[in-house]
Protein backbone atom coordinates (compact mmCIF):
# COMPACT_ATOMS: atom_id res chain seq x y z
CA UNK A 1 21.42 -0.38 -4.35
CA UNK A 2 22.79 -3.94 -5.48
CA UNK A 3 20.14 -5.79 -3.07
CA UNK A 4 17.15 -4.93 -5.39
CA UNK A 5 16.20 -8.16 -7.32
CA UNK A 6 13.35 -9.64 -9.38
CA UNK A 7 10.99 -10.99 -6.14
CA UNK A 8 12.63 -8.94 -3.25
CA UNK A 9 15.26 -6.87 -1.80
CA UNK A 10 17.60 -9.11 -0.32
CA UNK A 11 22.17 -9.56 0.07
CA UNK A 12 24.39 -9.42 2.49
CA UNK A 13 23.67 -7.15 5.20
CA UNK A 14 25.78 -3.23 5.50
CA UNK A 15 27.48 -4.44 1.92
CA UNK A 16 24.90 -4.77 -0.53
CA UNK A 17 22.23 -2.61 1.54
CA UNK A 18 22.09 -0.96 5.00
CA UNK A 19 20.24 0.51 7.73
CA UNK A 20 19.41 3.87 5.83
CA UNK A 21 18.33 1.68 2.44
CA UNK A 22 15.89 -0.13 4.74
CA UNK A 23 14.74 3.19 6.55
CA UNK A 24 13.89 5.00 2.43
CA UNK A 25 12.33 1.62 2.02
CA UNK A 26 9.64 2.08 4.68
CA UNK A 27 9.04 5.34 4.03
CA UNK A 28 8.37 5.30 0.37
CA UNK A 29 6.18 1.89 0.61
CA UNK A 30 3.01 3.66 2.03
CA UNK A 31 2.98 6.08 -1.22
CA UNK A 32 3.53 3.40 -2.91
CA UNK A 33 1.08 1.06 -2.39
CA UNK A 34 -1.64 4.05 -0.83
CA UNK A 35 -1.33 2.52 2.29
CA UNK A 36 -2.24 3.79 5.90
CA UNK A 37 -1.10 0.89 7.86
CA UNK A 38 1.60 -1.48 7.35
CA UNK A 39 1.80 -4.89 8.52
CA UNK A 40 5.40 -5.71 9.48
CA UNK A 41 6.92 -9.36 10.54
CA UNK A 42 10.73 -10.79 10.96
CA UNK A 43 13.13 -13.87 10.83
CA UNK A 44 15.18 -14.86 13.51
CA UNK A 45 18.50 -13.74 12.01
CA UNK A 46 20.98 -11.87 13.61
CA UNK A 47 20.30 -8.77 12.04
CA UNK A 48 16.46 -8.73 11.56
CA UNK A 49 16.03 -6.61 14.83
CA UNK A 50 18.12 -3.93 13.44
CA UNK A 51 16.38 -3.85 10.24
CA UNK A 52 13.14 -3.99 11.66
CA UNK A 53 13.95 -0.52 13.79
CA UNK A 54 14.65 0.88 11.12
CA UNK A 55 11.72 0.06 8.79
CA UNK A 56 9.56 0.78 11.21
CA UNK A 57 11.26 4.49 11.81
CA UNK A 58 10.71 5.03 7.62
CA UNK A 59 7.06 3.66 7.93
CA UNK A 60 6.07 5.74 10.68
CA UNK A 61 7.84 8.91 9.62
CA UNK A 62 5.78 8.93 6.34
CA UNK A 63 2.85 8.90 8.60
CA UNK A 64 1.64 5.45 8.53
CA UNK A 65 1.17 3.24 11.15
CA UNK A 66 3.10 -0.13 11.81
CA UNK A 67 1.00 -3.50 12.94
CA UNK A 68 4.12 -5.65 13.96
CA UNK A 69 3.59 -9.38 14.18
CA UNK A 70 7.15 -10.03 15.87
CA UNK A 71 8.97 -13.13 14.76
CA UNK A 72 6.83 -14.74 12.33
CA UNK A 73 7.63 -17.04 9.41
CA UNK A 74 7.25 -15.48 5.49
CA UNK A 75 3.40 -17.74 4.87
CA UNK A 76 2.71 -16.38 8.45
CA UNK A 77 2.61 -12.46 6.90
CA UNK A 78 0.88 -13.40 3.52
CA UNK A 79 -1.81 -14.97 5.91
CA UNK A 80 -2.26 -11.52 7.67
CA UNK A 81 -2.10 -9.02 4.58
CA UNK A 82 -4.83 -10.93 3.23
CA UNK A 83 -6.92 -12.47 6.12
CA UNK A 84 -7.02 -8.36 7.68
CA UNK A 85 -6.93 -6.93 4.69
CA UNK A 86 -3.84 -5.00 4.51
CA UNK A 87 -2.75 -2.79 1.57
CA UNK A 88 0.67 -3.28 2.43
CA UNK A 89 3.17 -5.93 4.37
CA UNK A 90 6.86 -6.44 4.48
CA UNK A 91 8.44 -9.62 6.21
CA UNK A 92 12.40 -8.99 6.97
CA UNK A 93 13.92 -12.11 6.01
CA UNK A 94 16.73 -13.55 3.44
CA UNK A 95 14.92 -17.17 3.27
CA UNK A 96 17.24 -19.76 2.17
CA UNK A 97 20.36 -17.66 1.95
CA UNK A 98 23.14 -18.33 4.29
CA UNK A 99 23.10 -16.29 7.83
CA UNK A 100 24.92 -13.11 6.58
CA UNK A 101 21.58 -12.30 3.88
CA UNK A 102 18.78 -10.53 5.19
CA UNK A 103 16.22 -8.45 3.09
CA UNK A 104 12.21 -7.60 2.63
CA UNK A 105 9.65 -9.19 1.20
CA UNK A 106 7.12 -7.00 -0.04
CA UNK A 107 3.26 -7.67 -0.27
CA UNK A 108 0.35 -5.71 -1.30
CA UNK A 109 -3.65 -6.45 -1.04
CA UNK A 110 -4.46 -9.70 -1.01
CA UNK A 111 -0.86 -10.76 -0.38
CA UNK A 112 0.10 -10.46 -4.03
CA UNK A 113 3.76 -9.90 -4.57
CA UNK A 114 5.42 -6.79 -5.10
CA UNK A 115 8.36 -7.28 -7.33
CA UNK A 116 11.09 -5.12 -9.78
CA UNK A 117 8.68 -4.76 -12.31
CA UNK A 118 5.46 -4.10 -9.86
CA UNK A 119 6.56 -1.46 -7.33
CA UNK A 120 10.46 -2.05 -6.25
CA UNK A 121 11.77 -0.87 -9.27
CA UNK A 122 9.76 2.89 -8.20
CA UNK A 123 11.14 2.80 -4.93
CA UNK A 124 14.51 1.94 -6.07
CA UNK A 125 14.32 5.17 -8.55
CA UNK A 126 12.83 7.06 -5.92
CA UNK A 127 15.85 6.50 -3.78
CA UNK A 128 18.64 6.71 -6.61
CA UNK A 129 17.01 10.32 -7.49
CA UNK A 130 16.94 11.33 -3.96
CA UNK A 131 13.55 11.95 -3.63
CA UNK A 132 12.46 13.78 -0.62
CA UNK A 133 11.22 12.30 2.63
CA UNK A 134 9.77 14.96 5.03
CA UNK A 135 8.62 13.64 8.27
CA UNK A 136 4.95 13.37 8.54
CA UNK A 137 3.57 15.99 10.56
CA UNK A 138 1.62 13.38 12.00
CA UNK A 139 3.76 10.58 12.39
CA UNK A 140 2.27 7.08 12.59
CA UNK A 141 2.20 4.70 15.84
CA UNK A 142 3.22 1.33 16.37
CA UNK A 143 0.26 -1.61 17.19
CA UNK A 144 1.92 -5.08 18.66
CA UNK A 145 -0.68 -7.68 16.98
CA UNK A 146 -0.68 -11.53 17.74
CA UNK A 147 -1.82 -13.48 14.53
CA UNK A 148 -0.02 -16.72 15.52
CA UNK A 149 -3.41 -17.77 16.83
CA UNK A 150 -5.08 -17.58 13.90
CA UNK A 151 -2.89 -18.78 11.35
CA UNK A 152 -2.09 -22.02 13.47
CA UNK A 153 -6.49 -21.94 13.41
CA UNK A 154 -6.10 -21.89 9.65
CA UNK A 155 -3.54 -24.33 9.43
CA UNK A 156 -5.09 -26.84 12.01
CA UNK A 157 -8.56 -27.24 9.50
CA UNK A 158 -6.05 -29.14 7.15
CA UNK A 159 -4.60 -31.23 9.61
CA UNK A 160 -5.33 -35.07 9.52
CA UNK A 161 -4.77 -37.98 11.35
CA UNK A 162 -1.02 -38.53 11.44
CA UNK A 163 -1.16 -41.20 13.95
CA UNK A 164 -0.25 -44.57 11.25
CA UNK A 165 2.80 -42.56 10.12
CA UNK A 166 5.96 -42.12 11.08
CA UNK A 167 7.31 -38.78 10.63
CA UNK A 168 10.79 -37.01 10.67
CA UNK A 169 11.17 -33.23 10.73
CA UNK A 170 14.14 -30.69 10.16
CA UNK A 171 13.30 -27.36 10.99
CA UNK A 172 16.41 -25.72 9.88
CA UNK A 173 16.52 -23.96 12.92
CA UNK A 174 14.17 -21.03 11.36
CA UNK A 175 10.98 -19.94 11.36
CA UNK A 176 9.22 -23.51 10.73
CA UNK A 177 9.99 -24.00 14.75
CA UNK A 178 7.23 -21.38 15.61
CA UNK A 179 4.29 -23.73 14.51
CA UNK A 180 5.74 -27.41 13.95
CA UNK A 181 5.08 -29.18 16.91
CA UNK A 182 1.79 -27.01 17.73
CA UNK A 183 0.66 -28.82 14.19
CA UNK A 184 2.09 -32.07 14.41
CA UNK A 185 2.97 -33.01 17.95
CA UNK A 186 5.70 -34.09 19.71
CA UNK A 187 5.54 -37.80 18.33
CA UNK A 188 7.77 -36.94 15.39
CA UNK A 189 11.48 -37.29 15.10
CA UNK A 190 12.77 -33.68 15.12
CA UNK A 191 16.35 -31.97 14.64
CA UNK A 192 17.64 -28.28 14.36
CA UNK A 193 14.21 -27.26 16.15
CA UNK A 194 15.21 -24.50 17.92
CA UNK A 195 14.89 -20.72 16.21
CA UNK A 196 18.70 -19.70 15.83
CA UNK A 197 19.78 -17.31 13.22
CA UNK A 198 23.03 -17.86 12.95
CA UNK A 199 21.89 -21.51 11.45
CA UNK A 200 24.61 -23.41 13.45
CA UNK A 201 23.81 -26.95 11.90
CA UNK A 202 23.62 -25.91 7.82
CA UNK A 203 22.20 -23.29 5.74
CA UNK A 204 18.44 -23.67 5.86
CA UNK A 205 18.57 -24.18 1.85
CA UNK A 206 16.58 -27.76 1.35
CA UNK A 207 17.95 -27.40 -2.62
CA UNK A 208 21.78 -28.03 -1.58
CA UNK A 209 22.23 -31.25 -0.92
CA UNK A 210 24.33 -31.19 2.03
CA UNK A 211 21.87 -29.43 3.83
CA UNK A 212 19.41 -32.75 3.64
CA UNK A 213 22.02 -35.40 4.49
CA UNK A 214 21.19 -35.15 8.45
CA UNK A 215 17.51 -35.50 7.80
CA UNK A 216 18.23 -38.36 5.21
CA UNK A 217 19.99 -40.08 8.12
CA UNK A 218 17.44 -39.17 10.35
CA UNK A 219 14.85 -40.44 8.22
CA UNK A 220 16.70 -44.30 8.22
CA UNK A 221 17.85 -44.49 11.63
CA UNK A 222 14.04 -44.15 13.04
CA UNK A 223 12.40 -45.61 10.05
CA UNK A 224 10.39 -43.13 9.22
CA UNK A 225 7.67 -43.01 6.53
CA UNK A 226 8.69 -39.47 5.50
CA UNK A 227 11.18 -37.04 6.14
CA UNK A 228 10.39 -32.90 5.68
CA UNK A 229 13.00 -30.13 5.55
CA UNK A 230 11.95 -26.36 5.47
CA UNK A 231 13.41 -23.50 4.22
CA UNK A 232 14.89 -20.56 7.05
CA UNK A 233 11.54 -18.22 6.34
CA UNK A 234 9.21 -21.38 5.92
CA UNK A 235 7.73 -20.67 2.49
CA UNK A 236 9.14 -23.95 0.95
CA UNK A 237 9.28 -27.35 1.73
CA UNK A 238 11.11 -30.75 0.54
CA UNK A 239 10.60 -34.27 1.66
CA UNK A 240 12.79 -37.82 2.11
CA UNK A 241 11.47 -40.84 1.01
CA UNK A 242 11.41 -43.86 3.74
CA UNK A 243 14.67 -44.91 2.05
CA UNK A 244 16.33 -41.75 2.81
CA UNK A 245 15.93 -40.21 -0.79
CA UNK A 246 15.30 -36.86 -1.53
CA UNK A 247 12.06 -36.29 -3.63
CA UNK A 248 12.27 -33.63 -6.45
CA UNK A 249 10.30 -30.75 -5.55
CA UNK A 250 8.51 -30.79 -8.59
CA UNK A 251 6.91 -34.31 -8.50
CA UNK A 252 5.49 -33.37 -5.49
CA UNK A 253 3.36 -31.32 -7.65
CA UNK A 254 1.61 -34.14 -8.76
CA UNK A 255 1.52 -36.06 -5.41
CA UNK A 256 -0.39 -33.69 -4.08
CA UNK A 257 -3.17 -34.61 -6.85
CA UNK A 258 -4.28 -37.44 -4.29
CA UNK A 259 -5.27 -34.90 -2.18
CA UNK A 260 -7.24 -32.40 -4.17
CA UNK A 261 -8.72 -35.10 -6.83
CA UNK A 262 -8.81 -38.13 -4.22
CA UNK A 263 -9.79 -36.56 -1.04
CA UNK A 264 -11.83 -33.47 -2.19
CA UNK A 265 -12.88 -34.36 -5.76
CA UNK A 266 -11.62 -31.18 -7.01
CA UNK A 267 -10.41 -30.89 -10.67
CA UNK A 268 -9.39 -27.59 -12.02
CA UNK A 269 -6.15 -25.60 -13.45
CA UNK A 270 -2.62 -26.94 -11.43
CA UNK A 271 0.76 -24.39 -12.33
CA UNK A 272 3.97 -25.79 -12.53
CA UNK A 273 7.23 -23.55 -13.81
CA UNK A 274 8.97 -23.89 -16.69
CA UNK A 275 11.51 -26.13 -15.18
CA UNK A 276 8.83 -28.67 -14.10
CA UNK A 277 9.15 -32.40 -15.21
CA UNK A 278 6.93 -33.03 -18.63
CA UNK A 279 5.56 -36.58 -16.04
CA UNK A 280 3.84 -33.63 -14.06
CA UNK A 281 1.18 -33.49 -16.90
CA UNK A 282 0.98 -36.71 -17.58
CA UNK A 283 -0.02 -37.93 -13.87
CA UNK A 284 -2.35 -35.66 -13.41
CA UNK A 285 -4.31 -34.53 -16.95
CA UNK A 286 -5.88 -38.28 -16.94
CA UNK A 287 -7.06 -37.42 -13.36
CA UNK A 288 -9.09 -34.76 -14.74
CA UNK A 289 -6.54 -31.32 -14.38
CA UNK A 290 -5.28 -29.08 -16.20
CA UNK A 291 -1.59 -28.09 -15.68
CA UNK A 292 -0.62 -24.99 -17.18
CA UNK A 293 3.34 -23.66 -17.27
CA UNK A 294 4.60 -20.38 -16.08
CA UNK A 295 7.87 -18.18 -15.20
CA UNK A 296 9.75 -18.95 -11.93
CA UNK A 297 9.35 -17.23 -9.00
CA UNK A 298 6.59 -16.26 -6.71
CA UNK A 299 6.46 -13.01 -8.01
CA UNK A 300 5.02 -14.50 -11.01
CA UNK A 301 3.23 -18.13 -9.95
CA UNK A 302 1.19 -15.83 -7.12
CA UNK A 303 -0.19 -13.79 -9.63
CA UNK A 304 -0.78 -16.33 -12.16
CA UNK A 305 -2.46 -18.96 -9.84
CA UNK A 306 -4.81 -16.02 -9.33
CA UNK A 307 -5.17 -15.52 -12.91
CA UNK A 308 -6.08 -18.63 -13.87
CA UNK A 309 -8.16 -19.58 -10.92
CA UNK A 310 -5.84 -22.63 -10.37
CA UNK A 311 -6.73 -24.93 -7.40
CA UNK A 312 -3.02 -25.30 -6.52
CA UNK A 313 0.28 -25.22 -8.10
CA UNK A 314 4.32 -25.69 -7.38
CA UNK A 315 7.97 -24.92 -8.41
CA UNK A 316 11.21 -26.98 -8.66
CA UNK A 317 12.17 -24.70 -5.77
CA UNK A 318 9.84 -26.42 -3.41
CA UNK A 319 7.29 -23.51 -3.26
CA UNK A 320 3.82 -24.87 -3.51
CA UNK A 321 0.83 -22.42 -3.85
CA UNK A 322 -2.81 -23.09 -2.81
CA UNK A 323 -6.06 -21.17 -3.89
CA UNK A 324 -7.20 -22.10 -0.33
CA UNK A 325 -4.19 -19.90 0.87
CA UNK A 326 -4.92 -16.32 -1.15
CA UNK A 327 -2.89 -18.01 -4.05
CA UNK A 328 -0.03 -18.10 -2.01
CA UNK A 329 2.50 -20.14 -0.63
CA UNK A 330 3.08 -21.93 2.57
CA UNK A 331 5.43 -24.83 3.16
CA UNK A 332 3.69 -25.73 6.67
CA UNK A 333 0.28 -25.73 4.60
CA UNK A 334 2.12 -27.86 1.39
CA UNK A 335 3.57 -30.59 4.30
CA UNK A 336 0.19 -30.87 5.69
CA UNK A 337 -1.33 -31.74 2.44
CA UNK A 338 1.73 -33.98 1.39
CA UNK A 339 1.19 -35.60 4.92
CA UNK A 340 -2.27 -36.70 4.39
CA UNK A 341 -1.79 -38.19 1.04
CA UNK A 342 1.13 -40.40 2.82
CA UNK A 343 -1.35 -41.69 5.39
CA UNK A 344 -3.74 -42.43 2.66
CA UNK A 345 -1.49 -44.24 0.62
CA UNK A 346 0.01 -46.20 3.75
CA UNK A 347 -3.46 -47.47 4.51
CA UNK A 348 -3.36 -48.68 0.84
CA UNK A 349 0.20 -50.38 1.53
CA UNK A 350 2.28 -47.97 -1.33
CA UNK A 351 5.02 -46.03 0.12
CA UNK A 352 6.11 -42.98 -0.55
CA UNK A 353 8.86 -43.81 -2.87
CA UNK A 354 6.05 -45.98 -4.76
CA UNK A 355 4.08 -43.68 -5.08
CA UNK A 356 7.09 -41.25 -6.66
CA UNK A 357 8.10 -44.03 -8.77
CA UNK A 358 4.76 -44.07 -10.12
CA UNK A 359 5.07 -40.12 -11.13
CA UNK A 360 8.50 -40.24 -12.10
CA UNK A 361 9.05 -41.29 -15.99
CA UNK A 362 12.12 -39.33 -17.15
CA UNK A 363 15.39 -38.92 -16.38
CA UNK A 364 16.21 -35.34 -15.34
CA UNK A 365 19.28 -33.46 -15.12
CA UNK A 366 18.48 -31.02 -12.42
CA UNK A 367 19.71 -27.36 -12.67
CA UNK A 368 23.44 -26.98 -14.03
CA UNK A 369 24.33 -23.51 -13.57
CA UNK A 370 26.98 -21.82 -16.01
CA UNK A 371 29.10 -18.67 -15.60
CA UNK A 372 28.48 -16.98 -18.96
CA UNK A 373 28.78 -13.56 -20.01
CA UNK A 374 26.62 -13.55 -23.06
CA UNK A 375 23.56 -14.93 -21.99
CA UNK A 376 21.26 -13.98 -24.63
CA UNK A 377 23.73 -15.36 -27.32
CA UNK A 378 24.47 -18.42 -25.68
CA UNK A 379 20.68 -19.20 -25.09
CA UNK A 380 19.75 -18.40 -28.87
CA UNK A 381 22.94 -20.68 -29.55
CA UNK A 382 21.65 -23.94 -27.64
CA UNK A 383 17.92 -23.55 -29.37
CA UNK A 384 19.57 -23.04 -32.85
CA UNK A 385 21.21 -26.29 -32.12
CA UNK A 386 19.12 -28.72 -31.27
CA UNK A 387 16.11 -27.42 -33.24
CA UNK A 388 18.34 -28.19 -36.52
CA UNK A 389 18.50 -31.51 -35.22
CA UNK A 390 14.91 -32.29 -35.13
CA UNK A 391 11.48 -30.86 -35.16
CA UNK A 392 10.45 -29.29 -32.20
CA UNK A 393 6.95 -30.81 -30.62
CA UNK A 394 5.89 -27.39 -28.42
CA UNK A 395 8.01 -24.61 -27.83
CA UNK A 396 7.77 -21.36 -24.93
CA UNK A 397 10.04 -18.46 -24.90
CA UNK A 398 9.03 -16.98 -21.65
CA UNK A 399 11.22 -16.79 -18.50
CA UNK A 400 14.08 -18.30 -21.36
CA UNK A 401 13.11 -20.85 -23.55
CA UNK A 402 11.48 -24.60 -22.88
CA UNK A 403 12.18 -26.69 -26.20
CA UNK A 404 10.06 -30.16 -26.09
CA UNK A 405 10.97 -33.12 -28.70
CA UNK A 406 9.40 -36.44 -28.64
CA UNK A 407 11.68 -38.46 -26.28
CA UNK A 408 13.54 -35.25 -24.11
CA UNK A 409 12.95 -31.10 -23.64
CA UNK A 410 15.36 -28.48 -22.13
CA UNK A 411 14.96 -25.53 -20.58
CA UNK A 412 17.60 -22.78 -20.68
CA UNK A 413 17.51 -19.80 -18.88
CA UNK A 414 18.85 -16.65 -16.59
CA UNK A 415 18.87 -16.31 -13.19
CA UNK A 416 16.86 -13.61 -12.18
CA UNK A 417 18.77 -13.66 -8.41
CA UNK A 418 22.24 -14.80 -9.64
CA UNK A 419 25.16 -14.67 -11.82
CA UNK A 420 24.23 -17.77 -13.62
CA UNK A 421 22.59 -18.91 -17.06
CA UNK A 422 20.72 -22.07 -16.00
CA UNK A 423 20.17 -25.16 -17.69
CA UNK A 424 17.94 -28.04 -17.23
CA UNK A 425 16.93 -30.68 -19.46
CA UNK A 426 15.05 -34.40 -19.25
CA UNK A 427 14.78 -37.15 -21.21
CA UNK A 428 13.89 -40.91 -21.83
CA UNK A 429 16.89 -42.38 -20.93
CA UNK A 430 20.16 -41.53 -19.09
CA UNK A 431 22.08 -42.35 -22.64
CA UNK A 432 20.42 -40.09 -24.40
CA UNK A 433 19.97 -37.44 -21.39
CA UNK A 434 23.70 -37.31 -20.65
CA UNK A 435 24.25 -36.64 -24.88
CA UNK A 436 22.32 -33.84 -24.21
CA UNK A 437 24.23 -32.26 -21.36
CA UNK A 438 27.47 -33.02 -23.23
CA UNK A 439 26.22 -31.14 -26.30
CA UNK A 440 25.21 -28.46 -24.33
CA UNK A 441 28.43 -28.12 -22.86
CA UNK A 442 30.11 -28.00 -25.38
CA UNK A 443 28.70 -25.08 -27.09
CA UNK A 444 28.51 -23.22 -23.87
CA UNK A 445 32.25 -24.01 -22.64
CA UNK A 446 34.00 -23.51 -26.56
CA UNK A 447 31.84 -20.59 -28.28
CA UNK A 448 30.80 -18.68 -25.00
CA UNK A 449 33.73 -19.48 -22.61
CA UNK A 450 31.07 -20.64 -20.17
CA UNK A 451 32.17 -22.49 -16.59
CA UNK A 452 30.15 -24.59 -14.22
């Protein structure tokens, strides 16, 4: 049962969970969400077909109907859930994880996420206690449903004239292959554009730099204005500038201001996660936006954006959320909007690297992962150490801690999905940044036996 996590069910298939777990999740989901029909999609992983069969068996044995959309990206399931009024949906995917992983992403009405605290925990409890699972007197039926055409039509509304820019795409052999060429045409340079659940070219995780090297090289080879790379289930997207340099995903939150504010004249609340650069607020607030900070993860961000009626939002991990998209995330929609910005900037003679340089104002460590047993004690010690040195200008105590000082800030938080304590900091100079990293490293290693 180690596959139940804060945001979804995920792990190595037949090690962390198996077909019997999948069956039980399928059986209990209609009861959990009071749903008599469930939308189901799946990614291209080699184990997805087997999981699909057992999931459907569980749902129909519980008496609910299944609307099967077949191979799909995760955002396509979000679209189907909200657009057609489903009270429950499941995407079979392990997102960006290596090929031996798989999992289930569960949503409820309006494509709202179902996490451990909002329903998955109850299903786990029912499974653990051996809750009875009698087969319904009238088993559910399976209906095949094609929503690709409608989802593509929705995305097409946002596609601009990209003829003036040269684009390079890495589709990561994943679910972006379903629609990318239909949206962007054959003119861009593509790599790894065939769907293959073995992910033979690289793991479908753009946050690991090794997985982006091929795109960086392609951008330089074809002299593209921008490079675009999606993760395995296409809910995340990341970018490479015209020089072949990876763009920090949180800075793209600010870049999107040129679409919403400059093009649509739509000012409002923008959401960022607790790890995001201080530069985002400094860039967007003079444009008339208000930036709010919240917890990491879709289970938190999608709910928060809806609560505050934010226009858009994003995370350091490359998720971008839109009010236009049921407050949910879509890698394809995010890339379409960013490409609109790139096209507009090029007409003004501004390159992507120049635009990002106008946003980025600080030196940033990126997330540093520590293995440490006493995560609570370690976080408290780091906070106490730095707060004793100087007066904080702002403090946030959700999802770990974010403490800001005049010339720098840090976030320290326990991972919700991996056995790590994550530390990130940002400073006005490289010298100051290196000093704060070294101090943190010393505390965690000497007092808590942490390793990196």
